[in-house]
Amino acid sequence: MFPVDVASVLSGASVRQLDHWRRTELLVPEYSTHPVRYSFRDLVALRIVMKLRTDLSLQKVRKAFGNLPAYNFTHHPGEYRFGTDGDTIAVMDLDDRQWTDLVRQPGQPHLFTLAEVFAPFTTQSGRKVVDFMRPRKRLQVDSERMGGWPTIEGTRVGFDTVANLMEDGSLTADDVHYYYPSVAVEAVADAVSFAEDVVLARSAAA
């Protein structure tokens, strides 16, 4: 489960946006709202929202997500494939692979593959969104490993574990490697860098 600050960095949405979307029910965490914790599927859905927002207004995205139940799309939004032609939003049925327009008359929407949703992109406000599966060169997000929590590549060591060891400045990257031999020295800086982004996301909402 992902706290708000980590969800912000991995999705590209600000902490304030996430708070607003919860209150207005655009995307409410599927499991926990007290305290707020997002699931891996929630993060995928948030990335989809942010990707759609690079071309479309929030009003259209909100209308499309709001119309999902009316067209019997009752699974978690993170399980569907969405597309846009720059004007409307369509969703692909999981069974018959047919498109349903969620905003107006269907056109020829461009399907967002997961690869595109997970790839780095820039929001309308100019914020650079990290690569979802590789938020840093030596960090990995894998839904099969620690629930998708960002870890040092090839290990089960979370980025926060490494960053916390480096926090007071008493240890070096070599020291971390000594305590965690599977953590390459070069990976320590990536863990610290990602942790700094998480702190910035948290402080921006304060």
N, C-alpha and C. Protein backbone atom coordinates (compact mmCIF):
# COMPACT_ATOMS: atom_id res chain seq x y z
N MET A 1 0.84 -1.19 0.00
CA MET A 1 0.00 0.00 0.00
C MET A 1 0.89 1.25 0.00
N PHE A 2 0.44 2.27 -0.71
CA PHE A 2 1.28 3.45 -0.93
C PHE A 2 0.71 4.68 -0.24
N PRO A 3 1.50 5.33 0.63
CA PRO A 3 1.04 6.58 1.23
C PRO A 3 0.94 7.68 0.17
N VAL A 4 0.32 8.77 0.53
CA VAL A 4 0.01 9.82 -0.44
C VAL A 4 1.26 10.39 -1.09
N ASP A 5 2.33 10.61 -0.32
CA ASP A 5 3.51 11.24 -0.91
C ASP A 5 4.18 10.36 -1.95
N VAL A 6 4.27 9.05 -1.68
CA VAL A 6 4.85 8.14 -2.66
C VAL A 6 3.93 8.01 -3.87
N ALA A 7 2.62 7.95 -3.64
CA ALA A 7 1.65 7.89 -4.74
C ALA A 7 1.76 9.13 -5.62
N SER A 8 2.02 10.27 -5.01
CA SER A 8 2.16 11.51 -5.77
C SER A 8 3.33 11.43 -6.74
N VAL A 9 4.48 10.99 -6.25
CA VAL A 9 5.68 10.93 -7.09
C VAL A 9 5.50 9.90 -8.21
N LEU A 10 4.91 8.75 -7.89
CA LEU A 10 4.78 7.69 -8.90
C LEU A 10 3.66 7.97 -9.90
N SER A 11 2.66 8.75 -9.52
CA SER A 11 1.55 9.02 -10.44
C SER A 11 1.71 10.31 -11.23
N GLY A 12 2.44 11.27 -10.65
CA GLY A 12 2.56 12.57 -11.29
C GLY A 12 1.54 13.57 -10.81
N ALA A 13 0.58 13.13 -10.02
CA ALA A 13 -0.42 14.03 -9.45
C ALA A 13 0.13 14.64 -8.16
N SER A 14 -0.16 15.90 -7.93
CA SER A 14 0.29 16.52 -6.69
C SER A 14 -0.52 15.99 -5.51
N VAL A 15 0.01 16.16 -4.32
CA VAL A 15 -0.72 15.73 -3.13
C VAL A 15 -2.05 16.47 -3.03
N ARG A 16 -2.06 17.75 -3.41
CA ARG A 16 -3.31 18.52 -3.38
C ARG A 16 -4.32 17.97 -4.38
N GLN A 17 -3.84 17.59 -5.56
CA GLN A 17 -4.74 16.98 -6.54
C GLN A 17 -5.33 15.69 -6.01
N LEU A 18 -4.48 14.86 -5.42
CA LEU A 18 -4.96 13.58 -4.89
C LEU A 18 -6.03 13.81 -3.82
N ASP A 19 -5.80 14.79 -2.96
CA ASP A 19 -6.77 15.11 -1.92
C ASP A 19 -8.09 15.57 -2.54
N HIS A 20 -8.01 16.44 -3.54
CA HIS A 20 -9.21 16.94 -4.20
C HIS A 20 -9.96 15.81 -4.90
N TRP A 21 -9.22 14.92 -5.56
CA TRP A 21 -9.87 13.82 -6.29
C TRP A 21 -10.52 12.82 -5.34
N ARG A 22 -9.97 12.67 -4.14
CA ARG A 22 -10.62 11.81 -3.15
C ARG A 22 -11.92 12.45 -2.68
N ARG A 23 -11.86 13.76 -2.35
CA ARG A 23 -13.03 14.44 -1.82
C ARG A 23 -14.16 14.54 -2.85
N THR A 24 -13.79 14.66 -4.13
CA THR A 24 -14.80 14.76 -5.18
C THR A 24 -15.10 13.42 -5.84
N GLU A 25 -14.46 12.37 -5.32
CA GLU A 25 -14.72 10.99 -5.72
C GLU A 25 -14.36 10.69 -7.18
N LEU A 26 -13.39 11.43 -7.72
CA LEU A 26 -12.87 11.04 -9.03
C LEU A 26 -12.14 9.72 -8.90
N LEU A 27 -11.29 9.62 -7.88
CA LEU A 27 -10.61 8.35 -7.62
C LEU A 27 -10.37 8.23 -6.12
N VAL A 28 -11.14 7.36 -5.50
CA VAL A 28 -11.03 7.10 -4.07
C VAL A 28 -10.25 5.81 -3.89
N PRO A 29 -9.25 5.78 -3.00
CA PRO A 29 -8.49 4.54 -2.77
C PRO A 29 -9.42 3.36 -2.50
N GLU A 30 -9.10 2.22 -3.09
CA GLU A 30 -10.03 1.09 -3.00
C GLU A 30 -10.03 0.42 -1.64
N TYR A 31 -8.98 0.60 -0.85
CA TYR A 31 -8.91 -0.12 0.42
C TYR A 31 -8.89 0.78 1.65
N SER A 32 -8.14 1.87 1.62
CA SER A 32 -7.93 2.63 2.85
C SER A 32 -8.00 4.12 2.62
N THR A 33 -8.86 4.78 3.38
CA THR A 33 -8.92 6.24 3.34
C THR A 33 -8.57 6.86 4.69
N HIS A 34 -8.45 6.06 5.73
CA HIS A 34 -8.08 6.54 7.07
C HIS A 34 -7.12 5.54 7.72
N PRO A 35 -5.81 5.71 7.60
CA PRO A 35 -5.13 6.74 6.81
C PRO A 35 -5.22 6.41 5.32
N VAL A 36 -4.94 7.41 4.51
CA VAL A 36 -5.02 7.23 3.06
C VAL A 36 -3.87 6.35 2.59
N ARG A 37 -4.22 5.28 1.89
CA ARG A 37 -3.25 4.38 1.29
C ARG A 37 -3.78 3.94 -0.06
N TYR A 38 -2.96 4.09 -1.09
CA TYR A 38 -3.36 3.70 -2.44
C TYR A 38 -2.84 2.30 -2.76
N SER A 39 -3.64 1.54 -3.51
CA SER A 39 -3.20 0.23 -3.98
C SER A 39 -2.40 0.39 -5.26
N PHE A 40 -1.80 -0.71 -5.69
CA PHE A 40 -1.07 -0.69 -6.97
C PHE A 40 -2.03 -0.35 -8.10
N ARG A 41 -3.25 -0.94 -8.08
CA ARG A 41 -4.23 -0.63 -9.13
C ARG A 41 -4.63 0.84 -9.09
N ASP A 42 -4.72 1.41 -7.89
CA ASP A 42 -5.02 2.83 -7.78
C ASP A 42 -3.95 3.66 -8.49
N LEU A 43 -2.69 3.28 -8.30
CA LEU A 43 -1.59 4.02 -8.93
C LEU A 43 -1.70 3.96 -10.45
N VAL A 44 -2.04 2.77 -10.98
CA VAL A 44 -2.20 2.65 -12.43
C VAL A 44 -3.32 3.56 -12.91
N ALA A 45 -4.44 3.57 -12.18
CA ALA A 45 -5.57 4.43 -12.56
C ALA A 45 -5.17 5.91 -12.50
N LEU A 46 -4.40 6.28 -11.49
CA LEU A 46 -3.94 7.66 -11.38
C LEU A 46 -3.04 8.04 -12.54
N ARG A 47 -2.17 7.12 -12.95
CA ARG A 47 -1.31 7.38 -14.12
C ARG A 47 -2.16 7.58 -15.37
N ILE A 48 -3.24 6.79 -15.49
CA ILE A 48 -4.13 6.93 -16.65
C ILE A 48 -4.78 8.31 -16.64
N VAL A 49 -5.25 8.74 -15.47
CA VAL A 49 -5.85 10.07 -15.37
C VAL A 49 -4.85 11.14 -15.78
N MET A 50 -3.64 11.04 -15.27
CA MET A 50 -2.63 12.05 -15.59
C MET A 50 -2.24 12.01 -17.06
N LYS A 51 -2.19 10.81 -17.64
CA LYS A 51 -1.87 10.70 -19.07
C LYS A 51 -2.98 11.32 -19.91
N LEU A 52 -4.23 11.06 -19.57
CA LEU A 52 -5.36 11.66 -20.29
C LEU A 52 -5.35 13.18 -20.14
N ARG A 53 -4.92 13.66 -18.98
CA ARG A 53 -4.92 15.09 -18.72
C ARG A 53 -3.88 15.83 -19.55
N THR A 54 -2.94 15.13 -20.17
CA THR A 54 -1.99 15.83 -21.03
C THR A 54 -2.66 16.34 -22.29
N ASP A 55 -3.83 15.76 -22.66
CA ASP A 55 -4.54 16.16 -23.88
C ASP A 55 -5.94 16.73 -23.63
N LEU A 56 -6.51 16.43 -22.47
CA LEU A 56 -7.92 16.72 -22.24
C LEU A 56 -8.15 17.44 -20.92
N SER A 57 -9.31 18.09 -20.81
CA SER A 57 -9.66 18.80 -19.59
C SER A 57 -10.01 17.81 -18.48
N LEU A 58 -9.87 18.26 -17.26
CA LEU A 58 -10.24 17.42 -16.12
C LEU A 58 -11.74 17.10 -16.16
N GLN A 59 -12.54 18.05 -16.67
CA GLN A 59 -13.98 17.82 -16.75
C GLN A 59 -14.31 16.61 -17.62
N LYS A 60 -13.60 16.47 -18.73
CA LYS A 60 -13.84 15.31 -19.60
C LYS A 60 -13.38 14.01 -18.94
N VAL A 61 -12.24 14.08 -18.28
CA VAL A 61 -11.75 12.89 -17.59
C VAL A 61 -12.72 12.49 -16.49
N ARG A 62 -13.20 13.48 -15.75
CA ARG A 62 -14.14 13.20 -14.67
C ARG A 62 -15.44 12.60 -15.23
N LYS A 63 -15.92 13.15 -16.35
CA LYS A 63 -17.14 12.63 -16.97
C LYS A 63 -16.94 11.19 -17.44
N ALA A 64 -15.79 10.92 -18.05
CA ALA A 64 -15.50 9.57 -18.55
C ALA A 64 -15.47 8.57 -17.39
N PHE A 65 -14.76 8.89 -16.32
CA PHE A 65 -14.68 7.97 -15.18
C PHE A 65 -16.04 7.83 -14.51
N GLY A 66 -16.80 8.92 -14.47
CA GLY A 66 -18.12 8.86 -13.87
C GLY A 66 -19.09 8.01 -14.66
N ASN A 67 -18.86 7.90 -15.97
CA ASN A 67 -19.75 7.13 -16.84
C ASN A 67 -19.42 5.64 -16.89
N LEU A 68 -18.30 5.23 -16.31
CA LEU A 68 -17.92 3.82 -16.36
C LEU A 68 -19.02 2.89 -15.84
N PRO A 69 -19.59 3.14 -14.65
CA PRO A 69 -20.63 2.21 -14.16
C PRO A 69 -21.87 2.19 -15.04
N ALA A 70 -22.21 3.31 -15.65
CA ALA A 70 -23.41 3.38 -16.49
C ALA A 70 -23.29 2.47 -17.70
N TYR A 71 -22.06 2.20 -18.14
CA TYR A 71 -21.84 1.31 -19.28
C TYR A 71 -21.37 -0.07 -18.83
N ASN A 72 -21.62 -0.37 -17.56
CA ASN A 72 -21.30 -1.68 -16.98
C ASN A 72 -19.80 -1.97 -16.92
N PHE A 73 -19.01 -0.92 -16.82
CA PHE A 73 -17.57 -1.11 -16.57
C PHE A 73 -17.39 -1.01 -15.06
N THR A 74 -17.50 -2.14 -14.40
CA THR A 74 -17.56 -2.16 -12.94
C THR A 74 -16.27 -2.64 -12.27
N HIS A 75 -15.28 -3.00 -13.07
CA HIS A 75 -13.99 -3.36 -12.48
C HIS A 75 -13.25 -2.09 -12.06
N HIS A 76 -12.15 -2.27 -11.38
CA HIS A 76 -11.33 -1.13 -10.99
C HIS A 76 -10.84 -0.42 -12.26
N PRO A 77 -10.87 0.92 -12.29
CA PRO A 77 -10.42 1.64 -13.51
C PRO A 77 -9.01 1.27 -13.96
N GLY A 78 -8.16 0.89 -13.01
CA GLY A 78 -6.79 0.54 -13.36
C GLY A 78 -6.67 -0.73 -14.19
N GLU A 79 -7.77 -1.48 -14.33
CA GLU A 79 -7.73 -2.72 -15.10
C GLU A 79 -8.09 -2.51 -16.57
N TYR A 80 -8.61 -1.34 -16.91
CA TYR A 80 -9.06 -1.10 -18.28
C TYR A 80 -8.00 -0.39 -19.12
N ARG A 81 -8.21 -0.47 -20.45
CA ARG A 81 -7.38 0.27 -21.38
C ARG A 81 -8.20 1.45 -21.90
N PHE A 82 -7.63 2.64 -21.78
CA PHE A 82 -8.31 3.85 -22.22
C PHE A 82 -7.63 4.40 -23.46
N GLY A 83 -8.36 5.21 -24.19
CA GLY A 83 -7.80 5.85 -25.37
C GLY A 83 -8.46 7.19 -25.59
N THR A 84 -7.81 8.04 -26.37
CA THR A 84 -8.37 9.33 -26.70
C THR A 84 -7.97 9.73 -28.11
N ASP A 85 -8.85 10.51 -28.74
CA ASP A 85 -8.49 11.08 -30.05
C ASP A 85 -8.18 12.56 -29.88
N GLY A 86 -8.00 12.99 -28.65
CA GLY A 86 -7.74 14.38 -28.36
C GLY A 86 -8.99 15.17 -28.06
N ASP A 87 -10.15 14.52 -28.22
CA ASP A 87 -11.42 15.21 -27.98
C ASP A 87 -12.32 14.43 -27.04
N THR A 88 -12.33 13.10 -27.20
CA THR A 88 -13.17 12.26 -26.36
C THR A 88 -12.33 11.17 -25.72
N ILE A 89 -12.96 10.39 -24.86
CA ILE A 89 -12.26 9.30 -24.17
C ILE A 89 -13.05 8.03 -24.37
N ALA A 90 -12.36 6.96 -24.72
CA ALA A 90 -13.01 5.66 -24.90
C ALA A 90 -12.32 4.63 -24.03
N VAL A 91 -13.06 3.56 -23.72
CA VAL A 91 -12.52 2.48 -22.91
C VAL A 91 -12.75 1.17 -23.63
N MET A 92 -11.82 0.24 -23.50
CA MET A 92 -11.94 -1.04 -24.17
C MET A 92 -12.49 -2.09 -23.21
N ASP A 93 -13.50 -2.83 -23.65
CA ASP A 93 -14.08 -3.90 -22.85
C ASP A 93 -13.05 -5.01 -22.65
N LEU A 94 -13.02 -5.56 -21.44
CA LEU A 94 -12.02 -6.59 -21.13
C LEU A 94 -12.28 -7.90 -21.85
N ASP A 95 -13.56 -8.16 -22.23
CA ASP A 95 -13.92 -9.44 -22.83
C ASP A 95 -13.94 -9.41 -24.35
N ASP A 96 -14.74 -8.49 -24.93
CA ASP A 96 -14.90 -8.52 -26.39
C ASP A 96 -14.00 -7.53 -27.12
N ARG A 97 -13.17 -6.80 -26.35
CA ARG A 97 -12.18 -5.88 -26.94
C ARG A 97 -12.82 -4.78 -27.78
N GLN A 98 -14.07 -4.45 -27.48
CA GLN A 98 -14.77 -3.39 -28.20
C GLN A 98 -14.63 -2.06 -27.45
N TRP A 99 -14.63 -0.98 -28.23
CA TRP A 99 -14.53 0.35 -27.65
C TRP A 99 -15.90 0.88 -27.25
N THR A 100 -15.94 1.58 -26.15
CA THR A 100 -17.13 2.33 -25.75
C THR A 100 -16.71 3.77 -25.48
N ASP A 101 -17.37 4.69 -26.17
CA ASP A 101 -17.08 6.10 -25.95
C ASP A 101 -17.71 6.53 -24.63
N LEU A 102 -16.97 7.24 -23.81
CA LEU A 102 -17.44 7.64 -22.49
C LEU A 102 -17.83 9.11 -22.38
N VAL A 103 -17.60 9.87 -23.45
CA VAL A 103 -17.87 11.31 -23.38
C VAL A 103 -18.84 11.75 -24.45
N ARG A 104 -18.59 11.35 -25.71
CA ARG A 104 -19.49 11.71 -26.80
C ARG A 104 -19.41 10.64 -27.88
N GLN A 105 -19.71 10.94 -29.11
CA GLN A 105 -19.73 9.93 -30.17
C GLN A 105 -18.33 9.36 -30.40
N PRO A 106 -18.24 8.04 -30.61
CA PRO A 106 -16.91 7.44 -30.78
C PRO A 106 -16.22 7.87 -32.06
N GLY A 107 -14.92 8.07 -31.94
CA GLY A 107 -14.12 8.37 -33.13
C GLY A 107 -13.12 7.25 -33.33
N GLN A 108 -11.89 7.60 -33.56
CA GLN A 108 -10.83 6.61 -33.70
C GLN A 108 -9.80 6.85 -32.61
N PRO A 109 -10.13 6.44 -31.41
CA PRO A 109 -9.23 6.76 -30.29
C PRO A 109 -7.92 6.00 -30.37
N HIS A 110 -6.91 6.62 -29.80
CA HIS A 110 -5.59 6.00 -29.71
C HIS A 110 -5.52 5.25 -28.39
N LEU A 111 -5.29 3.97 -28.44
CA LEU A 111 -5.22 3.14 -27.24
C LEU A 111 -3.94 3.44 -26.47
N PHE A 112 -4.10 3.71 -25.18
CA PHE A 112 -2.94 3.83 -24.32
C PHE A 112 -2.53 2.44 -23.87
N THR A 113 -1.41 1.97 -24.34
CA THR A 113 -0.89 0.72 -23.81
C THR A 113 -0.31 0.99 -22.42
N LEU A 114 -0.16 -0.07 -21.63
CA LEU A 114 0.43 0.12 -20.32
C LEU A 114 1.85 0.67 -20.44
N ALA A 115 2.53 0.28 -21.51
CA ALA A 115 3.89 0.78 -21.71
C ALA A 115 3.89 2.31 -21.82
N GLU A 116 2.88 2.86 -22.50
CA GLU A 116 2.79 4.31 -22.64
C GLU A 116 2.39 4.98 -21.33
N VAL A 117 1.46 4.34 -20.62
CA VAL A 117 1.03 4.89 -19.33
C VAL A 117 2.17 4.88 -18.33
N PHE A 118 3.00 3.84 -18.39
CA PHE A 118 4.10 3.71 -17.44
C PHE A 118 5.33 4.52 -17.84
N ALA A 119 5.44 4.91 -19.10
CA ALA A 119 6.61 5.65 -19.56
C ALA A 119 6.59 7.08 -19.00
N PRO A 120 7.76 7.73 -18.92
CA PRO A 120 7.79 9.12 -18.43
C PRO A 120 6.98 10.02 -19.36
N PHE A 121 6.33 11.03 -18.79
CA PHE A 121 5.66 12.04 -19.60
C PHE A 121 5.63 13.34 -18.83
N THR A 122 5.20 14.40 -19.50
CA THR A 122 5.13 15.73 -18.89
C THR A 122 3.68 16.18 -18.80
N THR A 123 3.27 16.65 -17.62
CA THR A 123 1.89 17.08 -17.43
C THR A 123 1.64 18.43 -18.11
N GLN A 124 0.37 18.84 -18.14
CA GLN A 124 0.03 20.14 -18.72
C GLN A 124 0.72 21.28 -18.01
N SER A 125 0.98 21.11 -16.71
CA SER A 125 1.63 22.17 -15.94
C SER A 125 3.15 22.14 -16.08
N GLY A 126 3.66 21.16 -16.83
CA GLY A 126 5.10 21.07 -17.05
C GLY A 126 5.84 20.17 -16.08
N ARG A 127 5.10 19.50 -15.21
CA ARG A 127 5.73 18.59 -14.25
C ARG A 127 6.16 17.32 -14.96
N LYS A 128 7.40 16.91 -14.74
CA LYS A 128 7.92 15.69 -15.35
C LYS A 128 7.56 14.50 -14.46
N VAL A 129 6.86 13.53 -15.03
CA VAL A 129 6.41 12.36 -14.29
C VAL A 129 7.41 11.23 -14.52
N VAL A 130 7.82 10.59 -13.44
CA VAL A 130 8.86 9.57 -13.52
C VAL A 130 8.37 8.33 -14.28
N ASP A 131 9.31 7.57 -14.79
CA ASP A 131 9.02 6.25 -15.34
C ASP A 131 8.47 5.40 -14.20
N PHE A 132 7.29 4.85 -14.40
CA PHE A 132 6.61 4.14 -13.31
C PHE A 132 7.37 2.90 -12.87
N MET A 133 7.85 2.12 -13.83
CA MET A 133 8.54 0.88 -13.50
C MET A 133 10.01 1.11 -13.13
N ARG A 134 10.55 2.24 -13.54
CA ARG A 134 11.95 2.58 -13.24
C ARG A 134 12.00 4.05 -12.80
N PRO A 135 11.50 4.36 -11.60
CA PRO A 135 11.49 5.76 -11.17
C PRO A 135 12.88 6.36 -11.04
N ARG A 136 13.86 5.52 -10.93
CA ARG A 136 15.26 5.90 -11.05
C ARG A 136 15.97 4.76 -11.76
N LYS A 137 17.17 5.04 -12.26
CA LYS A 137 17.88 4.04 -13.07
C LYS A 137 18.03 2.72 -12.35
N ARG A 138 18.27 2.77 -11.04
CA ARG A 138 18.54 1.54 -10.29
C ARG A 138 17.43 1.22 -9.28
N LEU A 139 16.25 1.80 -9.50
CA LEU A 139 15.08 1.45 -8.70
C LEU A 139 14.06 0.76 -9.60
N GLN A 140 13.30 -0.17 -9.03
CA GLN A 140 12.29 -0.91 -9.77
C GLN A 140 10.95 -0.88 -9.04
N VAL A 141 9.88 -0.86 -9.83
CA VAL A 141 8.53 -1.06 -9.31
C VAL A 141 7.99 -2.32 -9.98
N ASP A 142 7.71 -3.32 -9.18
CA ASP A 142 7.24 -4.61 -9.68
C ASP A 142 6.08 -5.05 -8.80
N SER A 143 4.90 -5.21 -9.41
CA SER A 143 3.72 -5.57 -8.63
C SER A 143 3.89 -6.91 -7.92
N GLU A 144 4.80 -7.75 -8.39
CA GLU A 144 5.03 -9.05 -7.78
C GLU A 144 6.07 -9.01 -6.67
N ARG A 145 6.67 -7.86 -6.47
CA ARG A 145 7.69 -7.73 -5.43
C ARG A 145 7.27 -6.64 -4.44
N MET A 146 7.03 -7.03 -3.22
CA MET A 146 6.66 -6.10 -2.15
C MET A 146 5.47 -5.22 -2.55
N GLY A 147 4.54 -5.81 -3.30
CA GLY A 147 3.32 -5.10 -3.66
C GLY A 147 3.52 -3.92 -4.57
N GLY A 148 4.69 -3.86 -5.22
CA GLY A 148 4.97 -2.74 -6.11
C GLY A 148 5.73 -1.60 -5.47
N TRP A 149 6.09 -1.76 -4.20
CA TRP A 149 6.86 -0.72 -3.51
C TRP A 149 8.20 -0.55 -4.22
N PRO A 150 8.65 0.70 -4.47
CA PRO A 150 9.93 0.90 -5.16
C PRO A 150 11.11 0.31 -4.38
N THR A 151 11.83 -0.58 -5.02
CA THR A 151 12.96 -1.25 -4.38
C THR A 151 14.23 -1.05 -5.21
N ILE A 152 15.35 -1.32 -4.58
CA ILE A 152 16.61 -1.35 -5.31
C ILE A 152 16.53 -2.49 -6.32
N GLU A 153 16.98 -2.25 -7.56
CA GLU A 153 16.84 -3.24 -8.62
C GLU A 153 17.39 -4.60 -8.18
N GLY A 154 16.60 -5.64 -8.48
CA GLY A 154 17.03 -6.99 -8.20
C GLY A 154 17.00 -7.40 -6.74
N THR A 155 16.45 -6.55 -5.87
CA THR A 155 16.42 -6.86 -4.44
C THR A 155 15.01 -6.63 -3.88
N ARG A 156 14.84 -6.96 -2.62
CA ARG A 156 13.62 -6.65 -1.88
C ARG A 156 13.88 -5.53 -0.86
N VAL A 157 14.91 -4.76 -1.11
CA VAL A 157 15.26 -3.65 -0.22
C VAL A 157 14.58 -2.39 -0.73
N GLY A 158 13.68 -1.83 0.09
CA GLY A 158 12.95 -0.64 -0.31
C GLY A 158 13.84 0.59 -0.39
N PHE A 159 13.45 1.52 -1.26
CA PHE A 159 14.22 2.76 -1.39
C PHE A 159 14.30 3.49 -0.05
N ASP A 160 13.21 3.42 0.73
CA ASP A 160 13.16 4.15 2.00
C ASP A 160 14.11 3.56 3.03
N THR A 161 14.32 2.26 2.99
CA THR A 161 15.26 1.62 3.90
C THR A 161 16.65 2.20 3.69
N VAL A 162 17.04 2.31 2.44
CA VAL A 162 18.36 2.86 2.10
C VAL A 162 18.42 4.35 2.43
N ALA A 163 17.40 5.08 2.05
CA ALA A 163 17.39 6.53 2.30
C ALA A 163 17.44 6.84 3.78
N ASN A 164 16.74 6.06 4.58
CA ASN A 164 16.75 6.29 6.03
C ASN A 164 18.13 6.07 6.63
N LEU A 165 18.87 5.08 6.10
CA LEU A 165 20.22 4.84 6.59
C LEU A 165 21.14 6.03 6.30
N MET A 166 20.86 6.72 5.21
CA MET A 166 21.72 7.83 4.80
C MET A 166 21.28 9.18 5.39
N GLU A 167 20.14 9.17 6.07
CA GLU A 167 19.50 10.44 6.44
C GLU A 167 20.34 11.35 7.32
N ASP A 168 21.00 10.80 8.34
CA ASP A 168 21.73 11.68 9.26
C ASP A 168 23.17 11.95 8.83
N GLY A 169 23.59 11.38 7.69
CA GLY A 169 24.91 11.67 7.16
C GLY A 169 26.05 10.91 7.82
N SER A 170 25.72 9.98 8.72
CA SER A 170 26.79 9.25 9.42
C SER A 170 27.30 8.06 8.64
N LEU A 171 26.51 7.62 7.63
CA LEU A 171 26.91 6.47 6.82
C LEU A 171 27.22 6.90 5.39
N THR A 172 28.06 6.13 4.73
CA THR A 172 28.36 6.36 3.33
C THR A 172 27.66 5.29 2.49
N ALA A 173 27.68 5.46 1.18
CA ALA A 173 27.11 4.46 0.28
C ALA A 173 27.84 3.13 0.44
N ASP A 174 29.14 3.19 0.70
CA ASP A 174 29.90 1.96 0.92
C ASP A 174 29.42 1.25 2.19
N ASP A 175 29.07 2.04 3.21
CA ASP A 175 28.56 1.45 4.45
C ASP A 175 27.25 0.72 4.19
N VAL A 176 26.38 1.34 3.40
CA VAL A 176 25.09 0.72 3.08
C VAL A 176 25.32 -0.60 2.35
N HIS A 177 26.24 -0.58 1.40
CA HIS A 177 26.57 -1.81 0.66
C HIS A 177 27.10 -2.89 1.61
N TYR A 178 27.83 -2.47 2.62
CA TYR A 178 28.36 -3.43 3.61
C TYR A 178 27.21 -4.10 4.35
N TYR A 179 26.23 -3.30 4.78
CA TYR A 179 25.08 -3.84 5.52
C TYR A 179 24.12 -4.60 4.61
N TYR A 180 24.01 -4.14 3.36
CA TYR A 180 23.13 -4.78 2.37
C TYR A 180 23.95 -5.08 1.11
N PRO A 181 24.66 -6.20 1.08
CA PRO A 181 25.55 -6.51 -0.05
C PRO A 181 24.84 -6.53 -1.40
N SER A 182 23.54 -6.78 -1.42
CA SER A 182 22.82 -6.81 -2.69
C SER A 182 22.55 -5.41 -3.24
N VAL A 183 22.76 -4.40 -2.42
CA VAL A 183 22.53 -3.02 -2.84
C VAL A 183 23.83 -2.44 -3.38
N ALA A 184 23.85 -2.19 -4.69
CA ALA A 184 25.05 -1.62 -5.30
C ALA A 184 25.28 -0.21 -4.76
N VAL A 185 26.53 0.16 -4.65
CA VAL A 185 26.89 1.49 -4.16
C VAL A 185 26.21 2.56 -5.00
N GLU A 186 26.17 2.34 -6.31
CA GLU A 186 25.58 3.34 -7.22
C GLU A 186 24.08 3.50 -7.01
N ALA A 187 23.44 2.47 -6.44
CA ALA A 187 21.99 2.52 -6.25
C ALA A 187 21.59 3.39 -5.06
N VAL A 188 22.52 3.63 -4.17
CA VAL A 188 22.21 4.40 -2.97
C VAL A 188 21.77 5.82 -3.33
N ALA A 189 22.47 6.44 -4.25
CA ALA A 189 22.12 7.81 -4.66
C ALA A 189 20.73 7.86 -5.28
N ASP A 190 20.37 6.82 -6.03
CA ASP A 190 19.03 6.79 -6.63
C ASP A 190 17.96 6.69 -5.56
N ALA A 191 18.20 5.88 -4.54
CA ALA A 191 17.23 5.75 -3.45
C ALA A 191 17.07 7.07 -2.71
N VAL A 192 18.17 7.74 -2.45
CA VAL A 192 18.13 9.03 -1.76
C VAL A 192 17.42 10.07 -2.62
N SER A 193 17.71 10.09 -3.91
CA SER A 193 17.09 11.05 -4.82
C SER A 193 15.58 10.87 -4.87
N PHE A 194 15.14 9.61 -4.96
CA PHE A 194 13.70 9.35 -5.00
C PHE A 194 13.04 9.75 -3.68
N ALA A 195 13.69 9.45 -2.58
CA ALA A 195 13.17 9.82 -1.26
C ALA A 195 13.05 11.34 -1.14
N GLU A 196 13.98 12.07 -1.71
CA GLU A 196 13.91 13.53 -1.68
C GLU A 196 12.68 14.03 -2.43
N ASP A 197 12.36 13.39 -3.56
CA ASP A 197 11.15 13.76 -4.29
C ASP A 197 9.89 13.49 -3.47
N VAL A 198 9.91 12.41 -2.72
CA VAL A 198 8.76 12.07 -1.87
C VAL A 198 8.59 13.14 -0.79
N VAL A 199 9.69 13.56 -0.19
CA VAL A 199 9.63 14.62 0.83
C VAL A 199 9.12 15.91 0.22
N LEU A 200 9.58 16.26 -0.97
CA LEU A 200 9.11 17.48 -1.65
C LEU A 200 7.62 17.41 -1.93
N ALA A 201 7.13 16.24 -2.35
CA ALA A 201 5.70 16.09 -2.61
C ALA A 201 4.90 16.32 -1.34
N ARG A 202 5.41 15.80 -0.24
CA ARG A 202 4.73 15.95 1.05
C ARG A 202 4.74 17.40 1.52
N SER A 203 5.90 18.05 1.40
CA SER A 203 6.03 19.43 1.89
C SER A 203 5.26 20.42 1.01
N ALA A 204 5.08 20.10 -0.27
CA ALA A 204 4.35 21.00 -1.17
C ALA A 204 2.89 21.13 -0.77
N ALA A 205 2.38 20.13 -0.06
CA ALA A 205 0.97 20.15 0.34
C ALA A 205 0.78 20.73 1.73
N ALA A 206 1.89 21.01 2.42
CA ALA A 206 1.80 21.49 3.81
C ALA A 206 1.32 22.93 3.85
